[in-house]
């Protein structure tokens, strides 16, 4: 077996073990990972958490309500696993960007969730525009604590 194949097989095994641990591991671990205080455990997310906690109406929502697909449980858990593993790799490799930006996939998910929650209002406006282009105070940079250097 060549090196590339060994790496791929090892990666698949690790992902399967992690998935089984989250599904059948300590009670409520999967549900616990839906909580905002789970997301803030990575210190790079502190300013996003602080802005969320001070953001008014959206404070009652969890991070995953906006940042994960909500159409069905299967896609939600698939993307939760993909995004979570990506975040772990980025964090532990030391390649965390100075400014965390929304990916194109993340933007689509976020827009879909805005429309899902505010469907009646959105029907009255241009649905092609991203909600946060006008509602800048909803973004993590537009609310909450000001980051100091």
C-alpha atoms as a PDB file:
ATOM      1  CA  UNK A   1       0.000   0.000   0.000  1.00  0.00           C
ATOM      2  CA  UNK A   2       1.483   3.365  -0.985  1.00  0.00           C
ATOM      3  CA  UNK A   3       1.786   6.292   1.412  1.00  0.00           C
ATOM      4  CA  UNK A   4      -1.162   8.245  -0.002  1.00  0.00           C
ATOM      5  CA  UNK A   5      -3.465   5.270   0.376  1.00  0.00           C
ATOM      6  CA  UNK A   6      -2.288   4.727   3.969  1.00  0.00           C
ATOM      7  CA  UNK A   7      -3.013   8.381   4.803  1.00  0.00           C
ATOM      8  CA  UNK A   8      -6.499   8.204   3.279  1.00  0.00           C
ATOM      9  CA  UNK A   9      -7.326   4.945   5.061  1.00  0.00           C
ATOM     10  CA  UNK A  10      -5.985   6.340   8.349  1.00  0.00           C
ATOM     11  CA  UNK A  11      -8.035   9.511   7.909  1.00  0.00           C
ATOM     12  CA  UNK A  12     -11.224   7.527   7.225  1.00  0.00           C
ATOM     13  CA  UNK A  13     -10.611   5.366  10.303  1.00  0.00           C
ATOM     14  CA  UNK A  14     -10.022   8.414  12.518  1.00  0.00           C
ATOM     15  CA  UNK A  15     -13.167  10.116  11.195  1.00  0.00           C
ATOM     16  CA  UNK A  16     -15.192   6.942  11.825  1.00  0.00           C
ATOM     17  CA  UNK A  17     -13.865   6.668  15.393  1.00  0.00           C
ATOM     18  CA  UNK A  18     -14.589  10.334  16.112  1.00  0.00           C
ATOM     19  CA  UNK A  19     -18.089  10.001  14.633  1.00  0.00           C
ATOM     20  CA  UNK A  20     -18.828   6.890  16.699  1.00  0.00           C
ATOM     21  CA  UNK A  21     -17.518   8.624  19.813  1.00  0.00           C
ATOM     22  CA  UNK A  22     -19.794  11.619  19.253  1.00  0.00           C
ATOM     23  CA  UNK A  23     -22.800   9.448  18.450  1.00  0.00           C
ATOM     24  CA  UNK A  24     -22.378   6.841  21.181  1.00  0.00           C
ATOM     25  CA  UNK A  25     -19.899   8.482  23.568  1.00  0.00           C
ATOM     26  CA  UNK A  26     -20.643  10.237  26.846  1.00  0.00           C
ATOM     27  CA  UNK A  27     -24.312  11.178  27.254  1.00  0.00           C
ATOM     28  CA  UNK A  28     -25.375  14.401  25.581  1.00  0.00           C
ATOM     29  CA  UNK A  29     -21.942  15.027  24.005  1.00  0.00           C
ATOM     30  CA  UNK A  30     -23.505  15.490  20.569  1.00  0.00           C
ATOM     31  CA  UNK A  31     -26.164  17.823  22.005  1.00  0.00           C
ATOM     32  CA  UNK A  32     -23.491  19.623  24.037  1.00  0.00           C
ATOM     33  CA  UNK A  33     -21.626  20.482  20.834  1.00  0.00           C
ATOM     34  CA  UNK A  34     -24.676  22.513  19.737  1.00  0.00           C
ATOM     35  CA  UNK A  35     -24.197  24.941  22.618  1.00  0.00           C
ATOM     36  CA  UNK A  36     -22.457  28.319  22.107  1.00  0.00           C
ATOM     37  CA  UNK A  37     -20.155  27.755  25.079  1.00  0.00           C
ATOM     38  CA  UNK A  38     -18.812  24.699  23.219  1.00  0.00           C
ATOM     39  CA  UNK A  39     -17.932  26.875  20.206  1.00  0.00           C
ATOM     40  CA  UNK A  40     -16.143  29.467  22.353  1.00  0.00           C
ATOM     41  CA  UNK A  41     -13.793  26.855  23.805  1.00  0.00           C
ATOM     42  CA  UNK A  42     -11.501  27.638  20.898  1.00  0.00           C
ATOM     43  CA  UNK A  43     -10.046  30.966  22.021  1.00  0.00           C
ATOM     44  CA  UNK A  44     -10.064  32.237  18.434  1.00  0.00           C
ATOM     45  CA  UNK A  45     -13.866  32.401  18.613  1.00  0.00           C
ATOM     46  CA  UNK A  46     -14.002  34.656  21.690  1.00  0.00           C
ATOM     47  CA  UNK A  47     -14.751  37.887  19.823  1.00  0.00           C
ATOM     48  CA  UNK A  48     -17.495  36.177  17.768  1.00  0.00           C
ATOM     49  CA  UNK A  49     -18.993  34.785  20.986  1.00  0.00           C
ATOM     50  CA  UNK A  50     -18.838  38.168  22.704  1.00  0.00           C
ATOM     51  CA  UNK A  51     -20.558  39.878  19.784  1.00  0.00           C
ATOM     52  CA  UNK A  52     -23.239  37.165  19.713  1.00  0.00           C
ATOM     53  CA  UNK A  53     -23.934  37.363  23.444  1.00  0.00           C
ATOM     54  CA  UNK A  54     -24.533  41.134  23.125  1.00  0.00           C
ATOM     55  CA  UNK A  55     -26.506  41.053  19.865  1.00  0.00           C
ATOM     56  CA  UNK A  56     -30.079  41.477  21.037  1.00  0.00           C
ATOM     57  CA  UNK A  57     -32.757  39.382  19.333  1.00  0.00           C
ATOM     58  CA  UNK A  58     -30.381  36.800  17.873  1.00  0.00           C
ATOM     59  CA  UNK A  59     -28.920  36.094  21.293  1.00  0.00           C
ATOM     60  CA  UNK A  60     -31.649  33.486  21.837  1.00  0.00           C
ATOM     61  CA  UNK A  61     -30.345  31.505  18.846  1.00  0.00           C
ATOM     62  CA  UNK A  62     -27.426  29.122  19.032  1.00  0.00           C
ATOM     63  CA  UNK A  63     -24.429  29.304  16.691  1.00  0.00           C
ATOM     64  CA  UNK A  64     -25.618  26.163  14.902  1.00  0.00           C
ATOM     65  CA  UNK A  65     -29.066  27.682  14.252  1.00  0.00           C
ATOM     66  CA  UNK A  66     -27.450  30.112  11.820  1.00  0.00           C
ATOM     67  CA  UNK A  67     -24.223  28.393  10.779  1.00  0.00           C
ATOM     68  CA  UNK A  68     -25.412  24.825  10.046  1.00  0.00           C
ATOM     69  CA  UNK A  69     -27.980  23.613   7.508  1.00  0.00           C
ATOM     70  CA  UNK A  70     -31.402  23.128   9.076  1.00  0.00           C
ATOM     71  CA  UNK A  71     -33.322  21.446   6.250  1.00  0.00           C
ATOM     72  CA  UNK A  72     -32.881  17.948   7.679  1.00  0.00           C
ATOM     73  CA  UNK A  73     -30.914  16.181  10.416  1.00  0.00           C
ATOM     74  CA  UNK A  74     -28.688  14.226   8.010  1.00  0.00           C
ATOM     75  CA  UNK A  75     -27.260  17.283   6.248  1.00  0.00           C
ATOM     76  CA  UNK A  76     -27.007  19.099   9.581  1.00  0.00           C
ATOM     77  CA  UNK A  77     -24.856  16.348  11.131  1.00  0.00           C
ATOM     78  CA  UNK A  78     -22.790  15.835   7.985  1.00  0.00           C
ATOM     79  CA  UNK A  79     -21.906  19.532   7.808  1.00  0.00           C
ATOM     80  CA  UNK A  80     -21.427  19.688  11.566  1.00  0.00           C
ATOM     81  CA  UNK A  81     -18.835  16.906  11.256  1.00  0.00           C
ATOM     82  CA  UNK A  82     -17.152  18.464   8.213  1.00  0.00           C
ATOM     83  CA  UNK A  83     -17.002  21.970   9.694  1.00  0.00           C
ATOM     84  CA  UNK A  84     -15.948  20.655  13.095  1.00  0.00           C
ATOM     85  CA  UNK A  85     -13.107  18.556  11.706  1.00  0.00           C
ATOM     86  CA  UNK A  86     -11.988  21.454   9.509  1.00  0.00           C
ATOM     87  CA  UNK A  87     -11.972  23.764  12.533  1.00  0.00           C
ATOM     88  CA  UNK A  88      -9.959  21.263  14.589  1.00  0.00           C
ATOM     89  CA  UNK A  89      -7.378  20.829  11.821  1.00  0.00           C
ATOM     90  CA  UNK A  90      -7.062  24.600  11.282  1.00  0.00           C
ATOM     91  CA  UNK A  91      -6.814  25.286  15.013  1.00  0.00           C
ATOM     92  CA  UNK A  92      -4.267  22.581  15.871  1.00  0.00           C
ATOM     93  CA  UNK A  93      -2.163  23.182  12.764  1.00  0.00           C
ATOM     94  CA  UNK A  94      -1.702  26.788  13.892  1.00  0.00           C
ATOM     95  CA  UNK A  95      -3.174  28.138  10.656  1.00  0.00           C
ATOM     96  CA  UNK A  96      -5.999  30.145  12.171  1.00  0.00           C
ATOM     97  CA  UNK A  97      -6.496  33.291  10.088  1.00  0.00           C
ATOM     98  CA  UNK A  98      -6.288  36.621  11.850  1.00  0.00           C
ATOM     99  CA  UNK A  99      -9.801  37.481  10.631  1.00  0.00           C
ATOM    100  CA  UNK A 100     -12.229  34.572  10.445  1.00  0.00           C
ATOM    101  CA  UNK A 101     -14.315  34.880   7.294  1.00  0.00           C
ATOM    102  CA  UNK A 102     -17.447  33.136   6.142  1.00  0.00           C
ATOM    103  CA  UNK A 103     -16.859  30.607   3.353  1.00  0.00           C
ATOM    104  CA  UNK A 104     -19.053  30.557   0.255  1.00  0.00           C
ATOM    105  CA  UNK A 105     -20.792  27.422   1.584  1.00  0.00           C
ATOM    106  CA  UNK A 106     -21.196  29.111   4.971  1.00  0.00           C
ATOM    107  CA  UNK A 107     -22.730  32.148   3.278  1.00  0.00           C
ATOM    108  CA  UNK A 108     -25.297  29.997   1.496  1.00  0.00           C
ATOM    109  CA  UNK A 109     -26.200  28.220   4.734  1.00  0.00           C
ATOM    110  CA  UNK A 110     -26.432  31.490   6.639  1.00  0.00           C
ATOM    111  CA  UNK A 111     -28.629  33.103   3.969  1.00  0.00           C
ATOM    112  CA  UNK A 112     -30.881  30.036   3.902  1.00  0.00           C
ATOM    113  CA  UNK A 113     -31.286  30.202   7.685  1.00  0.00           C
ATOM    114  CA  UNK A 114     -32.044  33.935   7.629  1.00  0.00           C
ATOM    115  CA  UNK A 115     -34.790  33.275   5.080  1.00  0.00           C
ATOM    116  CA  UNK A 116     -36.044  30.265   7.064  1.00  0.00           C
ATOM    117  CA  UNK A 117     -36.542  32.339  10.219  1.00  0.00           C
ATOM    118  CA  UNK A 118     -37.724  35.558   8.554  1.00  0.00           C
ATOM    119  CA  UNK A 119     -39.630  34.036   5.630  1.00  0.00           C
ATOM    120  CA  UNK A 120     -42.647  36.343   5.781  1.00  0.00           C
ATOM    121  CA  UNK A 121     -40.545  39.491   5.790  1.00  0.00           C
ATOM    122  CA  UNK A 122     -38.109  38.241   3.160  1.00  0.00           C
ATOM    123  CA  UNK A 123     -40.961  37.552   0.725  1.00  0.00           C
ATOM    124  CA  UNK A 124     -41.495  41.322   0.574  1.00  0.00           C
ATOM    125  CA  UNK A 125     -37.899  42.223  -0.388  1.00  0.00           C
ATOM    126  CA  UNK A 126     -35.148  41.287  -2.838  1.00  0.00           C
ATOM    127  CA  UNK A 127     -34.213  37.682  -2.048  1.00  0.00           C
ATOM    128  CA  UNK A 128     -31.086  37.796  -4.212  1.00  0.00           C
ATOM    129  CA  UNK A 129     -29.217  40.088  -1.798  1.00  0.00           C
ATOM    130  CA  UNK A 130     -27.457  38.659   1.223  1.00  0.00           C
ATOM    131  CA  UNK A 131     -29.339  39.672   4.361  1.00  0.00           C
ATOM    132  CA  UNK A 132     -26.205  40.948   6.119  1.00  0.00           C
ATOM    133  CA  UNK A 133     -25.403  43.360   3.293  1.00  0.00           C
ATOM    134  CA  UNK A 134     -28.165  45.590   4.679  1.00  0.00           C
ATOM    135  CA  UNK A 135     -28.348  44.257   8.235  1.00  0.00           C
ATOM    136  CA  UNK A 136     -24.694  44.817   9.082  1.00  0.00           C
ATOM    137  CA  UNK A 137     -25.383  44.999  12.825  1.00  0.00           C
ATOM    138  CA  UNK A 138     -26.319  41.307  12.729  1.00  0.00           C
ATOM    139  CA  UNK A 139     -22.785  40.247  11.791  1.00  0.00           C
ATOM    140  CA  UNK A 140     -20.278  39.400  14.478  1.00  0.00           C
ATOM    141  CA  UNK A 141     -18.185  42.438  13.585  1.00  0.00           C
ATOM    142  CA  UNK A 142     -21.144  44.801  13.780  1.00  0.00           C
ATOM    143  CA  UNK A 143     -22.171  44.009  17.351  1.00  0.00           C
ATOM    144  CA  UNK A 144     -20.786  43.165  20.755  1.00  0.00           C
ATOM    145  CA  UNK A 145     -17.460  43.880  22.337  1.00  0.00           C
ATOM    146  CA  UNK A 146     -14.846  45.779  20.388  1.00  0.00           C
ATOM    147  CA  UNK A 147     -11.723  43.721  19.936  1.00  0.00           C
ATOM    148  CA  UNK A 148      -8.589  45.406  21.233  1.00  0.00           C
ATOM    149  CA  UNK A 149      -5.045  44.791  20.092  1.00  0.00           C
END
